[in-house]
Amino acid sequence: MQCCGNAFSVGSTVGWAVAAWSFEPPPIVEVPEIDYYYDEHSDLNTLQLEGIVIDIKAVYQMYELDAAKKVLKPVSGKLIEHSGEATGWNSDQGDHKFAAYLVSITMPVIA
């Protein structure tokens, strides 16, 4: 979003090249089933998803170092209702860092 995505808000008509979700869900209890994900820099985006945005939640995650793999892994998270324009420039929430948006769209068209 910050470098290449287009800002959107509830009511926006969007068209994104997406990939089927194939990852573990974020460690957040309230996360519903995730069907697709959008990453502007992914080579896996092979489906076209279009629809009208009906809900936006900001995803925040807290990370810890996985010393064996030498990577940060998410260990907890929270969802916060997002109103206004989604630009990717959300402020962190204490130890929880902004990670993504969880977007619901109405009448999605997958091509």
N, C-alpha and C. Protein backbone atom coordinates (compact mmCIF):
# COMPACT_ATOMS: atom_id res chain seq x y z
N MET A 1 0.82 -1.20 0.00
CA MET A 1 0.00 0.00 0.00
C MET A 1 0.86 1.25 0.00
N GLN A 2 1.87 1.28 0.81
CA GLN A 2 2.61 2.52 0.97
C GLN A 2 3.37 2.92 -0.29
N CYS A 3 3.87 1.96 -1.01
CA CYS A 3 4.67 2.32 -2.19
C CYS A 3 3.89 2.18 -3.50
N CYS A 4 3.00 1.22 -3.57
CA CYS A 4 2.43 0.90 -4.89
C CYS A 4 0.92 0.72 -4.91
N GLY A 5 0.30 0.59 -3.78
CA GLY A 5 -1.14 0.34 -3.77
C GLY A 5 -1.94 1.62 -3.87
N ASN A 6 -3.20 1.47 -4.21
CA ASN A 6 -4.11 2.62 -4.27
C ASN A 6 -4.96 2.65 -3.01
N ALA A 7 -5.07 3.82 -2.41
CA ALA A 7 -5.90 3.97 -1.21
C ALA A 7 -7.34 3.62 -1.54
N PHE A 8 -8.07 3.11 -0.53
CA PHE A 8 -9.47 2.75 -0.69
C PHE A 8 -10.19 2.96 0.63
N SER A 9 -11.51 2.95 0.59
CA SER A 9 -12.32 3.11 1.79
C SER A 9 -13.60 2.32 1.63
N VAL A 10 -14.39 2.24 2.70
CA VAL A 10 -15.68 1.56 2.61
C VAL A 10 -16.49 2.25 1.52
N GLY A 11 -17.08 1.46 0.64
CA GLY A 11 -17.85 1.98 -0.48
C GLY A 11 -17.06 2.03 -1.78
N SER A 12 -15.73 1.89 -1.70
CA SER A 12 -14.90 1.91 -2.91
C SER A 12 -15.11 0.63 -3.72
N THR A 13 -15.10 0.76 -5.03
CA THR A 13 -15.06 -0.40 -5.91
C THR A 13 -13.59 -0.70 -6.14
N VAL A 14 -13.20 -1.96 -5.88
CA VAL A 14 -11.80 -2.34 -6.01
C VAL A 14 -11.66 -3.47 -7.03
N GLY A 15 -10.49 -3.55 -7.60
CA GLY A 15 -10.12 -4.64 -8.48
C GLY A 15 -8.67 -4.99 -8.18
N TRP A 16 -8.44 -6.15 -7.61
CA TRP A 16 -7.10 -6.55 -7.19
C TRP A 16 -6.72 -7.88 -7.82
N ALA A 17 -5.48 -8.01 -8.23
CA ALA A 17 -4.93 -9.31 -8.60
C ALA A 17 -4.52 -9.98 -7.29
N VAL A 18 -5.10 -11.13 -6.99
CA VAL A 18 -4.91 -11.79 -5.69
C VAL A 18 -4.44 -13.22 -5.88
N ALA A 19 -4.07 -13.82 -4.77
CA ALA A 19 -3.72 -15.24 -4.73
C ALA A 19 -4.58 -15.89 -3.65
N ALA A 20 -4.81 -17.18 -3.78
CA ALA A 20 -5.55 -17.92 -2.76
C ALA A 20 -4.72 -17.94 -1.47
N TRP A 21 -5.38 -17.75 -0.34
CA TRP A 21 -4.71 -17.74 0.97
C TRP A 21 -4.25 -19.16 1.27
N SER A 22 -2.97 -19.31 1.62
CA SER A 22 -2.45 -20.65 1.92
C SER A 22 -1.51 -20.63 3.12
N PHE A 23 -1.73 -19.67 4.02
CA PHE A 23 -0.86 -19.51 5.17
C PHE A 23 -1.64 -19.78 6.45
N GLU A 24 -0.91 -19.91 7.55
CA GLU A 24 -1.57 -19.97 8.85
C GLU A 24 -2.24 -18.62 9.08
N PRO A 25 -3.42 -18.63 9.69
CA PRO A 25 -4.04 -17.32 9.98
C PRO A 25 -3.21 -16.57 11.02
N PRO A 26 -3.32 -15.25 11.04
CA PRO A 26 -2.61 -14.49 12.07
C PRO A 26 -3.08 -14.93 13.45
N PRO A 27 -2.22 -14.81 14.47
CA PRO A 27 -2.60 -15.24 15.81
C PRO A 27 -3.58 -14.27 16.47
N ILE A 28 -4.76 -14.16 15.89
CA ILE A 28 -5.80 -13.26 16.39
C ILE A 28 -7.10 -14.06 16.44
N VAL A 29 -7.74 -14.09 17.58
CA VAL A 29 -8.94 -14.89 17.77
C VAL A 29 -10.06 -14.46 16.84
N GLU A 30 -10.21 -13.16 16.61
CA GLU A 30 -11.36 -12.64 15.87
C GLU A 30 -11.24 -12.76 14.36
N VAL A 31 -10.14 -13.28 13.84
CA VAL A 31 -9.96 -13.32 12.39
C VAL A 31 -10.88 -14.37 11.78
N PRO A 32 -11.74 -13.94 10.87
CA PRO A 32 -12.59 -14.91 10.17
C PRO A 32 -11.76 -15.67 9.14
N GLU A 33 -12.39 -16.55 8.42
CA GLU A 33 -11.69 -17.27 7.37
C GLU A 33 -11.19 -16.28 6.31
N ILE A 34 -9.96 -16.46 5.90
CA ILE A 34 -9.37 -15.60 4.88
C ILE A 34 -9.32 -16.39 3.58
N ASP A 35 -9.87 -15.82 2.52
CA ASP A 35 -9.94 -16.52 1.24
C ASP A 35 -8.79 -16.15 0.30
N TYR A 36 -8.46 -14.87 0.22
CA TYR A 36 -7.47 -14.39 -0.74
C TYR A 36 -6.59 -13.34 -0.09
N TYR A 37 -5.43 -13.13 -0.68
CA TYR A 37 -4.59 -12.03 -0.22
C TYR A 37 -4.03 -11.27 -1.41
N TYR A 38 -3.76 -10.01 -1.15
CA TYR A 38 -3.22 -9.11 -2.18
C TYR A 38 -1.87 -8.62 -1.71
N ASP A 39 -0.88 -8.78 -2.56
CA ASP A 39 0.46 -8.26 -2.31
C ASP A 39 0.97 -7.75 -3.65
N GLU A 40 1.12 -6.47 -3.75
CA GLU A 40 1.50 -5.84 -5.01
C GLU A 40 2.76 -6.44 -5.62
N HIS A 41 3.64 -6.97 -4.77
CA HIS A 41 4.93 -7.47 -5.25
C HIS A 41 4.98 -9.00 -5.37
N SER A 42 3.86 -9.66 -5.27
CA SER A 42 3.83 -11.12 -5.34
C SER A 42 3.70 -11.60 -6.78
N ASP A 43 4.41 -12.66 -7.10
CA ASP A 43 4.28 -13.31 -8.40
C ASP A 43 3.13 -14.32 -8.41
N LEU A 44 2.50 -14.52 -7.25
CA LEU A 44 1.45 -15.54 -7.12
C LEU A 44 0.06 -15.00 -7.43
N ASN A 45 -0.07 -13.70 -7.65
CA ASN A 45 -1.36 -13.08 -7.91
C ASN A 45 -1.87 -13.48 -9.30
N THR A 46 -2.69 -14.52 -9.33
CA THR A 46 -3.17 -15.04 -10.62
C THR A 46 -4.67 -14.92 -10.80
N LEU A 47 -5.37 -14.48 -9.78
CA LEU A 47 -6.82 -14.32 -9.84
C LEU A 47 -7.17 -12.84 -9.78
N GLN A 48 -8.24 -12.46 -10.45
CA GLN A 48 -8.70 -11.07 -10.39
C GLN A 48 -9.94 -11.02 -9.50
N LEU A 49 -9.88 -10.24 -8.43
CA LEU A 49 -10.99 -10.10 -7.49
C LEU A 49 -11.54 -8.69 -7.62
N GLU A 50 -12.84 -8.58 -7.80
CA GLU A 50 -13.48 -7.27 -7.91
C GLU A 50 -14.71 -7.22 -7.02
N GLY A 51 -14.99 -6.07 -6.45
CA GLY A 51 -16.17 -5.91 -5.62
C GLY A 51 -16.18 -4.55 -4.94
N ILE A 52 -17.13 -4.36 -4.05
CA ILE A 52 -17.28 -3.11 -3.31
C ILE A 52 -16.89 -3.37 -1.86
N VAL A 53 -16.02 -2.54 -1.32
CA VAL A 53 -15.54 -2.68 0.07
C VAL A 53 -16.69 -2.38 1.03
N ILE A 54 -16.97 -3.35 1.92
CA ILE A 54 -18.02 -3.14 2.92
C ILE A 54 -17.48 -3.06 4.34
N ASP A 55 -16.22 -3.48 4.55
CA ASP A 55 -15.64 -3.43 5.90
C ASP A 55 -14.12 -3.47 5.79
N ILE A 56 -13.46 -2.68 6.63
CA ILE A 56 -12.00 -2.68 6.69
C ILE A 56 -11.59 -2.77 8.16
N LYS A 57 -10.72 -3.72 8.44
CA LYS A 57 -10.13 -3.82 9.77
C LYS A 57 -8.62 -3.74 9.62
N ALA A 58 -7.97 -3.02 10.52
CA ALA A 58 -6.51 -2.96 10.54
C ALA A 58 -6.02 -4.13 11.38
N VAL A 59 -5.02 -4.83 10.88
CA VAL A 59 -4.43 -5.99 11.57
C VAL A 59 -3.13 -5.52 12.21
N TYR A 60 -3.02 -5.75 13.51
CA TYR A 60 -1.80 -5.42 14.26
C TYR A 60 -1.25 -6.69 14.87
N GLN A 61 0.07 -6.86 14.81
CA GLN A 61 0.68 -8.06 15.36
C GLN A 61 1.88 -7.70 16.22
N MET A 62 2.11 -8.53 17.25
CA MET A 62 3.30 -8.42 18.07
C MET A 62 4.20 -9.58 17.67
N TYR A 63 5.49 -9.31 17.55
CA TYR A 63 6.44 -10.29 17.06
C TYR A 63 7.47 -10.65 18.12
N GLU A 64 7.97 -11.89 18.04
CA GLU A 64 9.11 -12.34 18.85
C GLU A 64 10.11 -13.01 17.92
N LEU A 65 11.36 -12.98 18.33
CA LEU A 65 12.40 -13.60 17.53
C LEU A 65 12.36 -15.11 17.67
N ASP A 66 12.30 -15.79 16.55
CA ASP A 66 12.46 -17.25 16.52
C ASP A 66 13.95 -17.48 16.30
N ALA A 67 14.68 -17.73 17.39
CA ALA A 67 16.13 -17.81 17.33
C ALA A 67 16.62 -18.92 16.41
N ALA A 68 15.90 -20.03 16.37
CA ALA A 68 16.33 -21.15 15.53
C ALA A 68 16.28 -20.79 14.05
N LYS A 69 15.24 -20.05 13.66
CA LYS A 69 15.08 -19.68 12.25
C LYS A 69 15.62 -18.29 11.95
N LYS A 70 15.97 -17.55 12.99
CA LYS A 70 16.49 -16.19 12.87
C LYS A 70 15.52 -15.27 12.11
N VAL A 71 14.24 -15.39 12.47
CA VAL A 71 13.21 -14.53 11.90
C VAL A 71 12.26 -14.08 13.00
N LEU A 72 11.56 -12.98 12.75
CA LEU A 72 10.51 -12.56 13.66
C LEU A 72 9.24 -13.31 13.30
N LYS A 73 8.53 -13.81 14.31
CA LYS A 73 7.27 -14.50 14.06
C LYS A 73 6.17 -13.83 14.88
N PRO A 74 4.96 -13.74 14.30
CA PRO A 74 3.86 -13.12 15.05
C PRO A 74 3.41 -14.04 16.18
N VAL A 75 3.23 -13.45 17.37
CA VAL A 75 2.82 -14.24 18.54
C VAL A 75 1.48 -13.80 19.11
N SER A 76 1.04 -12.61 18.78
CA SER A 76 -0.29 -12.17 19.18
C SER A 76 -0.70 -11.04 18.25
N GLY A 77 -1.98 -10.74 18.27
CA GLY A 77 -2.44 -9.69 17.39
C GLY A 77 -3.81 -9.20 17.78
N LYS A 78 -4.24 -8.16 17.08
CA LYS A 78 -5.58 -7.63 17.31
C LYS A 78 -6.08 -6.96 16.05
N LEU A 79 -7.39 -6.90 15.95
CA LEU A 79 -8.06 -6.22 14.84
C LEU A 79 -8.68 -4.94 15.37
N ILE A 80 -8.56 -3.88 14.60
CA ILE A 80 -9.19 -2.62 14.97
C ILE A 80 -9.98 -2.13 13.77
N GLU A 81 -11.25 -1.82 14.00
CA GLU A 81 -12.10 -1.30 12.93
C GLU A 81 -11.43 -0.07 12.32
N HIS A 82 -11.39 -0.03 11.00
CA HIS A 82 -10.74 1.08 10.31
C HIS A 82 -11.79 1.89 9.57
N SER A 83 -11.84 3.16 9.87
CA SER A 83 -12.75 4.04 9.14
C SER A 83 -11.90 5.04 8.37
N GLY A 84 -12.47 5.57 7.36
CA GLY A 84 -11.71 6.50 6.53
C GLY A 84 -10.93 5.76 5.46
N GLU A 85 -9.95 6.45 4.89
CA GLU A 85 -9.19 5.90 3.77
C GLU A 85 -8.08 4.98 4.27
N ALA A 86 -7.95 3.82 3.63
CA ALA A 86 -6.88 2.87 3.95
C ALA A 86 -5.70 3.21 3.05
N THR A 87 -4.60 3.66 3.65
CA THR A 87 -3.43 4.10 2.90
C THR A 87 -2.18 3.28 3.21
N GLY A 88 -2.24 2.48 4.29
CA GLY A 88 -1.07 1.71 4.70
C GLY A 88 -0.22 2.42 5.73
N TRP A 89 -0.61 3.61 6.12
CA TRP A 89 0.19 4.40 7.06
C TRP A 89 -0.45 4.44 8.44
N ASN A 90 -0.92 3.31 8.93
CA ASN A 90 -1.52 3.25 10.26
C ASN A 90 -0.45 3.28 11.34
N SER A 91 -0.74 3.98 12.44
CA SER A 91 0.18 4.02 13.57
C SER A 91 0.15 2.69 14.31
N ASP A 92 1.29 2.30 14.87
CA ASP A 92 1.34 1.08 15.67
C ASP A 92 0.51 1.27 16.94
N GLN A 93 0.14 0.17 17.56
CA GLN A 93 -0.65 0.17 18.79
C GLN A 93 0.20 -0.43 19.90
N GLY A 94 1.02 0.40 20.55
CA GLY A 94 1.93 -0.10 21.58
C GLY A 94 2.94 -1.07 20.97
N ASP A 95 3.02 -2.29 21.52
CA ASP A 95 3.93 -3.32 21.01
C ASP A 95 3.42 -4.00 19.75
N HIS A 96 2.17 -3.72 19.39
CA HIS A 96 1.58 -4.32 18.19
C HIS A 96 1.83 -3.41 16.99
N LYS A 97 2.47 -3.98 15.97
CA LYS A 97 2.83 -3.24 14.76
C LYS A 97 1.76 -3.44 13.69
N PHE A 98 1.45 -2.37 12.97
CA PHE A 98 0.51 -2.48 11.86
C PHE A 98 1.07 -3.47 10.85
N ALA A 99 0.22 -4.43 10.42
CA ALA A 99 0.69 -5.48 9.50
C ALA A 99 -0.07 -5.50 8.18
N ALA A 100 -1.38 -5.23 8.22
CA ALA A 100 -2.17 -5.40 7.00
C ALA A 100 -3.58 -4.88 7.24
N TYR A 101 -4.36 -4.93 6.17
CA TYR A 101 -5.81 -4.70 6.28
C TYR A 101 -6.52 -6.00 6.01
N LEU A 102 -7.59 -6.23 6.73
CA LEU A 102 -8.51 -7.34 6.47
C LEU A 102 -9.75 -6.69 5.87
N VAL A 103 -10.02 -6.99 4.61
CA VAL A 103 -11.06 -6.29 3.86
C VAL A 103 -12.16 -7.26 3.48
N SER A 104 -13.40 -6.87 3.71
CA SER A 104 -14.55 -7.64 3.24
C SER A 104 -15.16 -6.87 2.07
N ILE A 105 -15.49 -7.62 1.01
CA ILE A 105 -16.14 -6.98 -0.11
C ILE A 105 -17.45 -7.69 -0.41
N THR A 106 -18.39 -6.96 -0.97
CA THR A 106 -19.69 -7.51 -1.30
C THR A 106 -19.68 -8.02 -2.73
N MET A 107 -20.38 -9.10 -2.95
CA MET A 107 -20.54 -9.69 -4.26
C MET A 107 -19.23 -9.80 -5.02
N PRO A 108 -18.23 -10.49 -4.43
CA PRO A 108 -16.94 -10.58 -5.12
C PRO A 108 -17.08 -11.35 -6.45
N VAL A 109 -16.36 -10.85 -7.43
CA VAL A 109 -16.27 -11.52 -8.72
C VAL A 109 -14.84 -12.00 -8.86
N ILE A 110 -14.67 -13.30 -9.04
CA ILE A 110 -13.35 -13.90 -9.20
C ILE A 110 -13.20 -14.35 -10.64
N ALA A 111 -12.15 -13.89 -11.28
CA ALA A 111 -11.92 -14.31 -12.66
C ALA A 111 -10.54 -14.93 -12.79
